[in-house]
C-alpha atoms as a PDB file:
ATOM      1  CA  UNK A   1      -2.718 -13.612  75.157  1.00  0.00           C
ATOM      2  CA  UNK A   2      -3.223 -12.535  71.545  1.00  0.00           C
ATOM      3  CA  UNK A   3      -5.203 -14.613  69.119  1.00  0.00           C
ATOM      4  CA  UNK A   4      -2.576 -16.414  66.984  1.00  0.00           C
ATOM      5  CA  UNK A   5      -4.751 -15.926  63.887  1.00  0.00           C
ATOM      6  CA  UNK A   6      -5.684 -12.257  64.305  1.00  0.00           C
ATOM      7  CA  UNK A   7      -4.969  -9.658  61.626  1.00  0.00           C
ATOM      8  CA  UNK A   8      -2.551  -7.764  63.872  1.00  0.00           C
ATOM      9  CA  UNK A   9      -0.673 -10.998  64.566  1.00  0.00           C
ATOM     10  CA  UNK A  10      -0.546 -11.721  60.836  1.00  0.00           C
ATOM     11  CA  UNK A  11       0.895  -8.248  60.233  1.00  0.00           C
ATOM     12  CA  UNK A  12       3.526  -8.770  62.936  1.00  0.00           C
ATOM     13  CA  UNK A  13       4.455 -12.147  61.452  1.00  0.00           C
ATOM     14  CA  UNK A  14       4.658 -10.575  57.991  1.00  0.00           C
ATOM     15  CA  UNK A  15       6.920  -7.794  59.264  1.00  0.00           C
ATOM     16  CA  UNK A  16       9.149 -10.330  61.039  1.00  0.00           C
ATOM     17  CA  UNK A  17       9.341 -12.461  57.879  1.00  0.00           C
ATOM     18  CA  UNK A  18      10.274  -9.386  55.847  1.00  0.00           C
ATOM     19  CA  UNK A  19      12.969  -8.486  58.384  1.00  0.00           C
ATOM     20  CA  UNK A  20      14.261 -12.035  58.236  1.00  0.00           C
ATOM     21  CA  UNK A  21      14.233 -11.976  54.442  1.00  0.00           C
ATOM     22  CA  UNK A  22      16.897  -9.262  54.345  1.00  0.00           C
ATOM     23  CA  UNK A  23      19.332 -11.168  56.584  1.00  0.00           C
ATOM     24  CA  UNK A  24      20.634 -13.551  53.872  1.00  0.00           C
ATOM     25  CA  UNK A  25      21.281 -10.497  51.682  1.00  0.00           C
ATOM     26  CA  UNK A  26      23.248  -9.008  54.570  1.00  0.00           C
ATOM     27  CA  UNK A  27      25.352 -12.163  54.903  1.00  0.00           C
ATOM     28  CA  UNK A  28      26.082 -12.366  51.175  1.00  0.00           C
ATOM     29  CA  UNK A  29      26.775  -8.631  50.828  1.00  0.00           C
ATOM     30  CA  UNK A  30      29.084  -8.605  53.848  1.00  0.00           C
ATOM     31  CA  UNK A  31      30.959 -11.644  52.524  1.00  0.00           C
ATOM     32  CA  UNK A  32      31.574  -9.792  49.250  1.00  0.00           C
ATOM     33  CA  UNK A  33      32.607  -6.703  51.190  1.00  0.00           C
ATOM     34  CA  UNK A  34      35.071  -8.770  53.216  1.00  0.00           C
ATOM     35  CA  UNK A  35      36.676 -10.192  50.073  1.00  0.00           C
ATOM     36  CA  UNK A  36      36.953  -6.733  48.507  1.00  0.00           C
ATOM     37  CA  UNK A  37      38.319  -4.977  51.595  1.00  0.00           C
ATOM     38  CA  UNK A  38      40.748  -7.776  52.351  1.00  0.00           C
ATOM     39  CA  UNK A  39      39.836  -8.669  55.922  1.00  0.00           C
ATOM     40  CA  UNK A  40      36.533  -9.670  57.553  1.00  0.00           C
ATOM     41  CA  UNK A  41      37.025  -7.434  60.573  1.00  0.00           C
ATOM     42  CA  UNK A  42      37.420  -4.324  58.397  1.00  0.00           C
ATOM     43  CA  UNK A  43      34.308  -5.382  56.517  1.00  0.00           C
ATOM     44  CA  UNK A  44      32.504  -5.640  59.864  1.00  0.00           C
ATOM     45  CA  UNK A  45      33.598  -2.089  60.700  1.00  0.00           C
ATOM     46  CA  UNK A  46      32.467  -0.880  57.253  1.00  0.00           C
ATOM     47  CA  UNK A  47      29.093  -2.596  57.651  1.00  0.00           C
ATOM     48  CA  UNK A  48      28.506  -1.001  61.047  1.00  0.00           C
ATOM     49  CA  UNK A  49      29.502   2.449  59.740  1.00  0.00           C
ATOM     50  CA  UNK A  50      27.053   2.001  56.864  1.00  0.00           C
ATOM     51  CA  UNK A  51      24.388   1.090  59.442  1.00  0.00           C
ATOM     52  CA  UNK A  52      25.093   4.303  61.337  1.00  0.00           C
ATOM     53  CA  UNK A  53      24.945   6.351  58.120  1.00  0.00           C
ATOM     54  CA  UNK A  54      21.630   4.688  57.198  1.00  0.00           C
ATOM     55  CA  UNK A  55      19.942   5.278  60.558  1.00  0.00           C
ATOM     56  CA  UNK A  56      21.054   8.903  61.067  1.00  0.00           C
ATOM     57  CA  UNK A  57      18.668  10.418  58.473  1.00  0.00           C
ATOM     58  CA  UNK A  58      15.811   8.311  59.852  1.00  0.00           C
ATOM     59  CA  UNK A  59      16.449   9.678  63.344  1.00  0.00           C
ATOM     60  CA  UNK A  60      16.507  13.223  61.978  1.00  0.00           C
ATOM     61  CA  UNK A  61      13.400  12.757  59.825  1.00  0.00           C
ATOM     62  CA  UNK A  62      11.455  11.325  62.748  1.00  0.00           C
ATOM     63  CA  UNK A  63      12.679  14.135  65.022  1.00  0.00           C
ATOM     64  CA  UNK A  64      13.662  11.569  67.592  1.00  0.00           C
ATOM     65  CA  UNK A  65      14.683  13.207  70.876  1.00  0.00           C
ATOM     66  CA  UNK A  66      18.287  12.862  72.034  1.00  0.00           C
ATOM     67  CA  UNK A  67      19.026   9.798  74.137  1.00  0.00           C
ATOM     68  CA  UNK A  68      18.697  10.115  77.893  1.00  0.00           C
ATOM     69  CA  UNK A  69      22.241   9.310  78.919  1.00  0.00           C
ATOM     70  CA  UNK A  70      21.436   9.710  82.621  1.00  0.00           C
ATOM     71  CA  UNK A  71      19.716   6.300  82.560  1.00  0.00           C
ATOM     72  CA  UNK A  72      22.781   4.574  81.097  1.00  0.00           C
ATOM     73  CA  UNK A  73      24.538   4.096  84.432  1.00  0.00           C
ATOM     74  CA  UNK A  74      21.617   2.117  85.835  1.00  0.00           C
ATOM     75  CA  UNK A  75      21.511  -0.396  82.974  1.00  0.00           C
ATOM     76  CA  UNK A  76      22.493  -3.991  83.677  1.00  0.00           C
ATOM     77  CA  UNK A  77      25.676  -5.201  81.964  1.00  0.00           C
ATOM     78  CA  UNK A  78      23.723  -7.432  79.574  1.00  0.00           C
ATOM     79  CA  UNK A  79      22.016  -4.376  78.053  1.00  0.00           C
ATOM     80  CA  UNK A  80      25.244  -3.640  76.160  1.00  0.00           C
ATOM     81  CA  UNK A  81      25.691  -7.000  74.439  1.00  0.00           C
ATOM     82  CA  UNK A  82      23.509  -6.118  71.443  1.00  0.00           C
ATOM     83  CA  UNK A  83      26.382  -4.355  69.714  1.00  0.00           C
ATOM     84  CA  UNK A  84      28.764  -7.188  70.532  1.00  0.00           C
ATOM     85  CA  UNK A  85      26.230  -9.708  69.212  1.00  0.00           C
ATOM     86  CA  UNK A  86      25.993  -7.683  65.995  1.00  0.00           C
ATOM     87  CA  UNK A  87      29.765  -7.778  65.542  1.00  0.00           C
ATOM     88  CA  UNK A  88      29.827 -11.530  66.192  1.00  0.00           C
ATOM     89  CA  UNK A  89      26.996 -12.159  63.725  1.00  0.00           C
ATOM     90  CA  UNK A  90      28.401  -9.938  60.967  1.00  0.00           C
ATOM     91  CA  UNK A  91      31.881 -11.411  61.313  1.00  0.00           C
ATOM     92  CA  UNK A  92      30.502 -14.969  61.378  1.00  0.00           C
ATOM     93  CA  UNK A  93      28.457 -14.255  58.239  1.00  0.00           C
ATOM     94  CA  UNK A  94      31.555 -12.868  56.524  1.00  0.00           C
ATOM     95  CA  UNK A  95      33.633 -15.909  57.392  1.00  0.00           C
ATOM     96  CA  UNK A  96      31.128 -18.744  57.269  1.00  0.00           C
ATOM     97  CA  UNK A  97      28.576 -18.007  54.536  1.00  0.00           C
ATOM     98  CA  UNK A  98      31.130 -18.231  51.680  1.00  0.00           C
ATOM     99  CA  UNK A  99      32.358 -21.576  53.068  1.00  0.00           C
ATOM    100  CA  UNK A 100      29.006 -23.096  54.032  1.00  0.00           C
ATOM    101  CA  UNK A 101      26.744 -21.412  51.522  1.00  0.00           C
ATOM    102  CA  UNK A 102      24.089 -18.908  52.467  1.00  0.00           C
ATOM    103  CA  UNK A 103      21.345 -21.506  52.978  1.00  0.00           C
ATOM    104  CA  UNK A 104      23.364 -23.699  55.345  1.00  0.00           C
ATOM    105  CA  UNK A 105      24.674 -20.680  57.234  1.00  0.00           C
ATOM    106  CA  UNK A 106      21.199 -19.184  57.658  1.00  0.00           C
ATOM    107  CA  UNK A 107      19.689 -22.544  58.658  1.00  0.00           C
ATOM    108  CA  UNK A 108      22.299 -22.864  61.413  1.00  0.00           C
ATOM    109  CA  UNK A 109      21.788 -19.232  62.472  1.00  0.00           C
ATOM    110  CA  UNK A 110      18.035 -19.778  62.730  1.00  0.00           C
ATOM    111  CA  UNK A 111      18.554 -22.980  64.714  1.00  0.00           C
ATOM    112  CA  UNK A 112      20.827 -21.160  67.156  1.00  0.00           C
ATOM    113  CA  UNK A 113      18.419 -18.253  67.409  1.00  0.00           C
ATOM    114  CA  UNK A 114      15.473 -20.501  68.211  1.00  0.00           C
ATOM    115  CA  UNK A 115      17.313 -22.549  70.802  1.00  0.00           C
ATOM    116  CA  UNK A 116      18.472 -19.399  72.594  1.00  0.00           C
ATOM    117  CA  UNK A 117      15.073 -17.714  72.167  1.00  0.00           C
ATOM    118  CA  UNK A 118      13.157 -20.545  73.777  1.00  0.00           C
ATOM    119  CA  UNK A 119      15.497 -20.326  76.798  1.00  0.00           C
ATOM    120  CA  UNK A 120      15.133 -16.524  76.996  1.00  0.00           C
ATOM    121  CA  UNK A 121      11.335 -16.843  76.735  1.00  0.00           C
ATOM    122  CA  UNK A 122      11.043 -19.632  79.289  1.00  0.00           C
ATOM    123  CA  UNK A 123      13.092 -17.891  81.960  1.00  0.00           C
ATOM    124  CA  UNK A 124      12.133 -14.316  81.036  1.00  0.00           C
ATOM    125  CA  UNK A 125      15.798 -13.426  80.668  1.00  0.00           C
ATOM    126  CA  UNK A 126      16.998  -9.921  79.845  1.00  0.00           C
ATOM    127  CA  UNK A 127      13.724  -8.304  80.865  1.00  0.00           C
ATOM    128  CA  UNK A 128      11.617 -10.231  78.352  1.00  0.00           C
ATOM    129  CA  UNK A 129       8.170 -11.514  79.315  1.00  0.00           C
ATOM    130  CA  UNK A 130       8.057 -15.165  80.362  1.00  0.00           C
ATOM    131  CA  UNK A 131       6.591 -17.540  77.799  1.00  0.00           C
ATOM    132  CA  UNK A 132       6.328 -21.082  79.021  1.00  0.00           C
ATOM    133  CA  UNK A 133       7.981 -23.905  77.076  1.00  0.00           C
ATOM    134  CA  UNK A 134       5.181 -26.087  75.756  1.00  0.00           C
ATOM    135  CA  UNK A 135       5.166 -29.330  73.847  1.00  0.00           C
ATOM    136  CA  UNK A 136       4.126 -27.529  70.653  1.00  0.00           C
ATOM    137  CA  UNK A 137       6.909 -24.936  70.971  1.00  0.00           C
ATOM    138  CA  UNK A 138       9.489 -27.690  71.531  1.00  0.00           C
ATOM    139  CA  UNK A 139       8.090 -29.660  68.578  1.00  0.00           C
ATOM    140  CA  UNK A 140       8.225 -26.555  66.383  1.00  0.00           C
ATOM    141  CA  UNK A 141      11.860 -25.920  67.285  1.00  0.00           C
ATOM    142  CA  UNK A 142      12.668 -29.626  66.824  1.00  0.00           C
ATOM    143  CA  UNK A 143      11.135 -29.543  63.332  1.00  0.00           C
ATOM    144  CA  UNK A 144      13.241 -26.527  62.462  1.00  0.00           C
ATOM    145  CA  UNK A 145      16.347 -28.283  63.773  1.00  0.00           C
ATOM    146  CA  UNK A 146      15.438 -31.268  61.602  1.00  0.00           C
ATOM    147  CA  UNK A 147      15.309 -28.824  58.692  1.00  0.00           C
ATOM    148  CA  UNK A 148      18.739 -27.467  59.664  1.00  0.00           C
ATOM    149  CA  UNK A 149      20.128 -30.999  59.558  1.00  0.00           C
ATOM    150  CA  UNK A 150      18.484 -31.730  56.211  1.00  0.00           C
ATOM    151  CA  UNK A 151      19.878 -28.539  54.685  1.00  0.00           C
ATOM    152  CA  UNK A 152      23.348 -29.156  56.094  1.00  0.00           C
ATOM    153  CA  UNK A 153      23.574 -32.816  55.125  1.00  0.00           C
ATOM    154  CA  UNK A 154      22.214 -32.190  51.636  1.00  0.00           C
ATOM    155  CA  UNK A 155      24.658 -29.349  50.913  1.00  0.00           C
ATOM    156  CA  UNK A 156      27.303 -30.242  48.393  1.00  0.00           C
ATOM    157  CA  UNK A 157      30.818 -28.945  48.984  1.00  0.00           C
ATOM    158  CA  UNK A 158      32.027 -26.283  46.578  1.00  0.00           C
ATOM    159  CA  UNK A 159      34.403 -27.705  44.009  1.00  0.00           C
ATOM    160  CA  UNK A 160      37.097 -25.215  43.037  1.00  0.00           C
ATOM    161  CA  UNK A 161      38.546 -25.642  39.592  1.00  0.00           C
END
């Protein structure tokens, strides 16, 4: 087990925080895209195409070898849900963040992520290493859920003039 206070752990936490910091921008940008394009599903398609355009030069610059398609047939069915999850998330962000506000939407997203993550960790689902549910992990998730409730209940509805 890694030392929770080590420098490498701090760097990993920092990278994860930075990755998380861009998600609210994604939700807000996609919501604007959906309004401009006229339908959230077309905005989802546009967002995914932009993702493909953004990653292609990175793959080329890194000289990443071509995928090994021979291994695809042996993958379990759940290995393919990442793309579906992305579509669900992007579409939900497009539809919900303008109605709920970015903070409430993200608080609920984080709550859902943590609840699912603790189950995946505990049972080692989807090939992930098993990480036992402990009192401190449950308390940490419970505190975050309390934060979700505080954010949601303190959010004022948008008044349209």
